[in-house]
Amino acid sequence: MSTANETILVAGEKAEAEHALIRSRIEAARRAWRNRSTGRPAGQPPPARITVTLDVGDGNFLTLRSNQNNWGAPGVPLQKLDANEWEIQFELEAPIEFKLTLNDETWEEGPNQVIEPGGSIRHSPKFPAAGRHQASA
């Protein structure tokens, strides 16, 4: 009788192992599908995103400079979403420090900001008033 019970236990363990394997394959397929739809390799974080709320005035623009390129010019332009909102998205492999510049000339005041891979930051920088261009009429 114990042989029959052992056979049942072994069969039950085998079925449980097969179910676990199937569950892991389903989860892997789900991850692959999610990554396929974003175009990112499995395990890669989503793009880092910086959203800025600031009225820079007509004719002005924002750029990002970071320690990733030794703070060099030209900065990377942010996309203007509306009159007071700007955004930039980019892939990161490691955290970076950054600052924004107004018209790629005037640096924002205050300490450097830090963003992590896959991170999202809402930022409201302050600039000296002298850095803004006046729009021509």
C-alpha atoms as a PDB file:
ATOM      1  CA  MET A   1       0.000   0.000   0.000  1.00  0.00           C
ATOM      2  CA  SER A   2       2.833   2.374   0.774  1.00  0.00           C
ATOM      3  CA  THR A   3       4.106   1.981  -2.791  1.00  0.00           C
ATOM      4  CA  ALA A   4       0.762   3.190  -4.150  1.00  0.00           C
ATOM      5  CA  ASN A   5       0.805   6.168  -1.765  1.00  0.00           C
ATOM      6  CA  GLU A   6       4.384   6.974  -2.747  1.00  0.00           C
ATOM      7  CA  THR A   7       3.399   6.794  -6.406  1.00  0.00           C
ATOM      8  CA  ILE A   8       0.502   9.188  -5.788  1.00  0.00           C
ATOM      9  CA  LEU A   9       2.768  11.582  -3.860  1.00  0.00           C
ATOM     10  CA  VAL A  10       5.399  11.500  -6.599  1.00  0.00           C
ATOM     11  CA  ALA A  11       2.734  12.074  -9.254  1.00  0.00           C
ATOM     12  CA  GLY A  12       1.298  14.959  -7.181  1.00  0.00           C
ATOM     13  CA  GLU A  13       4.734  16.538  -6.751  1.00  0.00           C
ATOM     14  CA  LYS A  14       5.398  16.129 -10.462  1.00  0.00           C
ATOM     15  CA  ALA A  15       2.069  17.776 -11.326  1.00  0.00           C
ATOM     16  CA  GLU A  16       2.794  20.617  -8.880  1.00  0.00           C
ATOM     17  CA  ALA A  17       6.229  21.149 -10.455  1.00  0.00           C
ATOM     18  CA  GLU A  18       4.689  21.175 -13.929  1.00  0.00           C
ATOM     19  CA  HIS A  19       2.099  23.747 -12.803  1.00  0.00           C
ATOM     20  CA  ALA A  20       4.841  25.945 -11.329  1.00  0.00           C
ATOM     21  CA  LEU A  21       6.759  25.701 -14.604  1.00  0.00           C
ATOM     22  CA  ILE A  22       3.659  26.630 -16.592  1.00  0.00           C
ATOM     23  CA  ARG A  23       2.975  29.598 -14.252  1.00  0.00           C
ATOM     24  CA  SER A  24       6.566  30.825 -14.638  1.00  0.00           C
ATOM     25  CA  ARG A  25       6.336  30.520 -18.442  1.00  0.00           C
ATOM     26  CA  ILE A  26       3.067  32.462 -18.441  1.00  0.00           C
ATOM     27  CA  GLU A  27       4.634  35.215 -16.319  1.00  0.00           C
ATOM     28  CA  ALA A  28       7.699  35.310 -18.615  1.00  0.00           C
ATOM     29  CA  ALA A  29       5.397  35.616 -21.627  1.00  0.00           C
ATOM     30  CA  ARG A  30       3.519  38.470 -19.920  1.00  0.00           C
ATOM     31  CA  ARG A  31       6.800  40.290 -19.195  1.00  0.00           C
ATOM     32  CA  ALA A  32       7.952  39.750 -22.772  1.00  0.00           C
ATOM     33  CA  TRP A  33       4.653  41.102 -24.075  1.00  0.00           C
ATOM     34  CA  ARG A  34       4.862  44.197 -21.877  1.00  0.00           C
ATOM     35  CA  ASN A  35       8.462  44.813 -22.950  1.00  0.00           C
ATOM     36  CA  ARG A  36       7.578  44.119 -26.594  1.00  0.00           C
ATOM     37  CA  SER A  37       4.909  46.792 -26.497  1.00  0.00           C
ATOM     38  CA  THR A  38       7.394  49.346 -25.054  1.00  0.00           C
ATOM     39  CA  GLY A  39      10.293  48.266 -27.269  1.00  0.00           C
ATOM     40  CA  ARG A  40      12.577  47.767 -24.245  1.00  0.00           C
ATOM     41  CA  PRO A  41      14.572  44.641 -23.472  1.00  0.00           C
ATOM     42  CA  ALA A  42      13.335  42.631 -20.503  1.00  0.00           C
ATOM     43  CA  GLY A  43      14.393  44.160 -17.206  1.00  0.00           C
ATOM     44  CA  GLN A  44      15.221  47.590 -18.633  1.00  0.00           C
ATOM     45  CA  PRO A  45      13.528  50.418 -16.707  1.00  0.00           C
ATOM     46  CA  PRO A  46      11.189  52.824 -18.482  1.00  0.00           C
ATOM     47  CA  PRO A  47      12.643  56.128 -19.671  1.00  0.00           C
ATOM     48  CA  ALA A  48      13.489  58.704 -17.027  1.00  0.00           C
ATOM     49  CA  ARG A  49      11.107  61.668 -17.199  1.00  0.00           C
ATOM     50  CA  ILE A  50      11.551  65.252 -16.063  1.00  0.00           C
ATOM     51  CA  THR A  51       8.463  67.458 -16.159  1.00  0.00           C
ATOM     52  CA  VAL A  52       8.984  71.168 -15.572  1.00  0.00           C
ATOM     53  CA  THR A  53       6.324  73.678 -14.636  1.00  0.00           C
ATOM     54  CA  LEU A  54       7.558  77.163 -15.484  1.00  0.00           C
ATOM     55  CA  ASP A  55       6.436  80.132 -17.555  1.00  0.00           C
ATOM     56  CA  VAL A  56       9.621  81.063 -19.392  1.00  0.00           C
ATOM     57  CA  GLY A  57       7.938  83.768 -21.477  1.00  0.00           C
ATOM     58  CA  ASP A  58       7.602  84.035 -25.236  1.00  0.00           C
ATOM     59  CA  GLY A  59      10.679  83.243 -27.282  1.00  0.00           C
ATOM     60  CA  ASN A  60      12.488  81.406 -24.460  1.00  0.00           C
ATOM     61  CA  PHE A  61      13.245  77.696 -24.128  1.00  0.00           C
ATOM     62  CA  LEU A  62      14.680  75.184 -21.642  1.00  0.00           C
ATOM     63  CA  THR A  63      17.578  72.780 -22.037  1.00  0.00           C
ATOM     64  CA  LEU A  64      19.071  70.125 -19.776  1.00  0.00           C
ATOM     65  CA  ARG A  65      22.753  69.777 -18.979  1.00  0.00           C
ATOM     66  CA  SER A  66      24.187  67.001 -16.844  1.00  0.00           C
ATOM     67  CA  ASN A  67      27.270  65.367 -15.452  1.00  0.00           C
ATOM     68  CA  GLN A  68      26.757  62.706 -18.129  1.00  0.00           C
ATOM     69  CA  ASN A  69      28.307  65.033 -20.705  1.00  0.00           C
ATOM     70  CA  ASN A  70      30.506  67.042 -18.298  1.00  0.00           C
ATOM     71  CA  TRP A  71      27.887  69.823 -18.159  1.00  0.00           C
ATOM     72  CA  GLY A  72      28.789  70.779 -21.735  1.00  0.00           C
ATOM     73  CA  ALA A  73      26.861  72.832 -24.239  1.00  0.00           C
ATOM     74  CA  PRO A  74      24.684  72.583 -26.096  1.00  0.00           C
ATOM     75  CA  GLY A  75      22.101  71.329 -23.658  1.00  0.00           C
ATOM     76  CA  VAL A  76      19.385  68.868 -24.642  1.00  0.00           C
ATOM     77  CA  PRO A  77      16.141  70.777 -25.372  1.00  0.00           C
ATOM     78  CA  LEU A  78      12.981  70.043 -23.429  1.00  0.00           C
ATOM     79  CA  GLN A  79       9.725  69.644 -25.322  1.00  0.00           C
ATOM     80  CA  LYS A  80       7.164  72.364 -24.681  1.00  0.00           C
ATOM     81  CA  LEU A  81       3.840  70.724 -23.802  1.00  0.00           C
ATOM     82  CA  ASP A  82       1.927  73.961 -23.176  1.00  0.00           C
ATOM     83  CA  ALA A  83       2.606  77.542 -22.052  1.00  0.00           C
ATOM     84  CA  ASN A  84       3.866  76.505 -18.596  1.00  0.00           C
ATOM     85  CA  GLU A  85       4.848  72.847 -18.952  1.00  0.00           C
ATOM     86  CA  TRP A  86       7.956  71.257 -20.440  1.00  0.00           C
ATOM     87  CA  GLU A  87       9.148  67.650 -20.552  1.00  0.00           C
ATOM     88  CA  ILE A  88      12.088  65.482 -21.479  1.00  0.00           C
ATOM     89  CA  GLN A  89      12.374  61.669 -21.468  1.00  0.00           C
ATOM     90  CA  PHE A  90      15.546  59.643 -21.890  1.00  0.00           C
ATOM     91  CA  GLU A  91      17.077  56.246 -21.149  1.00  0.00           C
ATOM     92  CA  LEU A  92      19.507  56.026 -18.231  1.00  0.00           C
ATOM     93  CA  GLU A  93      21.799  53.256 -17.084  1.00  0.00           C
ATOM     94  CA  ALA A  94      22.813  55.048 -13.867  1.00  0.00           C
ATOM     95  CA  PRO A  95      21.654  58.091 -11.878  1.00  0.00           C
ATOM     96  CA  ILE A  96      22.696  61.489 -13.210  1.00  0.00           C
ATOM     97  CA  GLU A  97      22.920  64.998 -11.789  1.00  0.00           C
ATOM     98  CA  PHE A  98      21.386  67.718 -13.904  1.00  0.00           C
ATOM     99  CA  LYS A  99      20.501  71.378 -14.091  1.00  0.00           C
ATOM    100  CA  LEU A 100      18.286  73.222 -16.510  1.00  0.00           C
ATOM    101  CA  THR A 101      19.362  76.202 -18.542  1.00  0.00           C
ATOM    102  CA  LEU A 102      17.200  78.961 -19.925  1.00  0.00           C
ATOM    103  CA  ASN A 103      17.937  79.609 -23.601  1.00  0.00           C
ATOM    104  CA  ASP A 104      20.962  77.296 -23.155  1.00  0.00           C
ATOM    105  CA  GLU A 105      22.760  80.187 -21.427  1.00  0.00           C
ATOM    106  CA  THR A 106      21.380  80.955 -17.959  1.00  0.00           C
ATOM    107  CA  TRP A 107      21.717  78.209 -15.348  1.00  0.00           C
ATOM    108  CA  GLU A 108      18.925  77.519 -12.893  1.00  0.00           C
ATOM    109  CA  GLU A 109      19.604  78.570  -9.314  1.00  0.00           C
ATOM    110  CA  GLY A 110      20.059  76.102  -6.465  1.00  0.00           C
ATOM    111  CA  PRO A 111      21.636  72.665  -6.103  1.00  0.00           C
ATOM    112  CA  ASN A 112      21.958  70.047  -8.812  1.00  0.00           C
ATOM    113  CA  GLN A 113      18.978  67.722  -9.215  1.00  0.00           C
ATOM    114  CA  VAL A 114      19.365  63.920  -9.394  1.00  0.00           C
ATOM    115  CA  ILE A 115      17.281  61.465 -11.396  1.00  0.00           C
ATOM    116  CA  GLU A 116      17.467  57.673 -11.281  1.00  0.00           C
ATOM    117  CA  PRO A 117      16.949  55.253 -14.202  1.00  0.00           C
ATOM    118  CA  GLY A 118      13.199  54.964 -14.724  1.00  0.00           C
ATOM    119  CA  GLY A 119      12.609  57.891 -12.356  1.00  0.00           C
ATOM    120  CA  SER A 120      10.109  60.685 -12.753  1.00  0.00           C
ATOM    121  CA  ILE A 121      10.603  64.201 -11.395  1.00  0.00           C
ATOM    122  CA  ARG A 122       8.340  67.258 -11.353  1.00  0.00           C
ATOM    123  CA  HIS A 123      10.578  70.314 -11.118  1.00  0.00           C
ATOM    124  CA  SER A 124       9.956  74.060 -10.815  1.00  0.00           C
ATOM    125  CA  PRO A 125      13.355  75.715 -11.303  1.00  0.00           C
ATOM    126  CA  LYS A 126      14.160  79.345 -10.548  1.00  0.00           C
ATOM    127  CA  PHE A 127      16.187  81.503 -12.920  1.00  0.00           C
ATOM    128  CA  PRO A 128      17.580  85.006 -12.554  1.00  0.00           C
ATOM    129  CA  ALA A 129      15.224  87.462 -14.290  1.00  0.00           C
ATOM    130  CA  ALA A 130      18.118  88.764 -16.407  1.00  0.00           C
ATOM    131  CA  GLY A 131      18.328  85.455 -18.319  1.00  0.00           C
ATOM    132  CA  ARG A 132      14.985  85.854 -20.131  1.00  0.00           C
ATOM    133  CA  HIS A 133      14.703  87.303 -23.605  1.00  0.00           C
ATOM    134  CA  GLN A 134      11.858  89.638 -24.355  1.00  0.00           C
ATOM    135  CA  ALA A 135       9.741  88.654 -27.317  1.00  0.00           C
ATOM    136  CA  SER A 136       9.807  91.145 -30.177  1.00  0.00           C
ATOM    137  CA  ALA A 137       6.533  92.721 -31.133  1.00  0.00           C
END
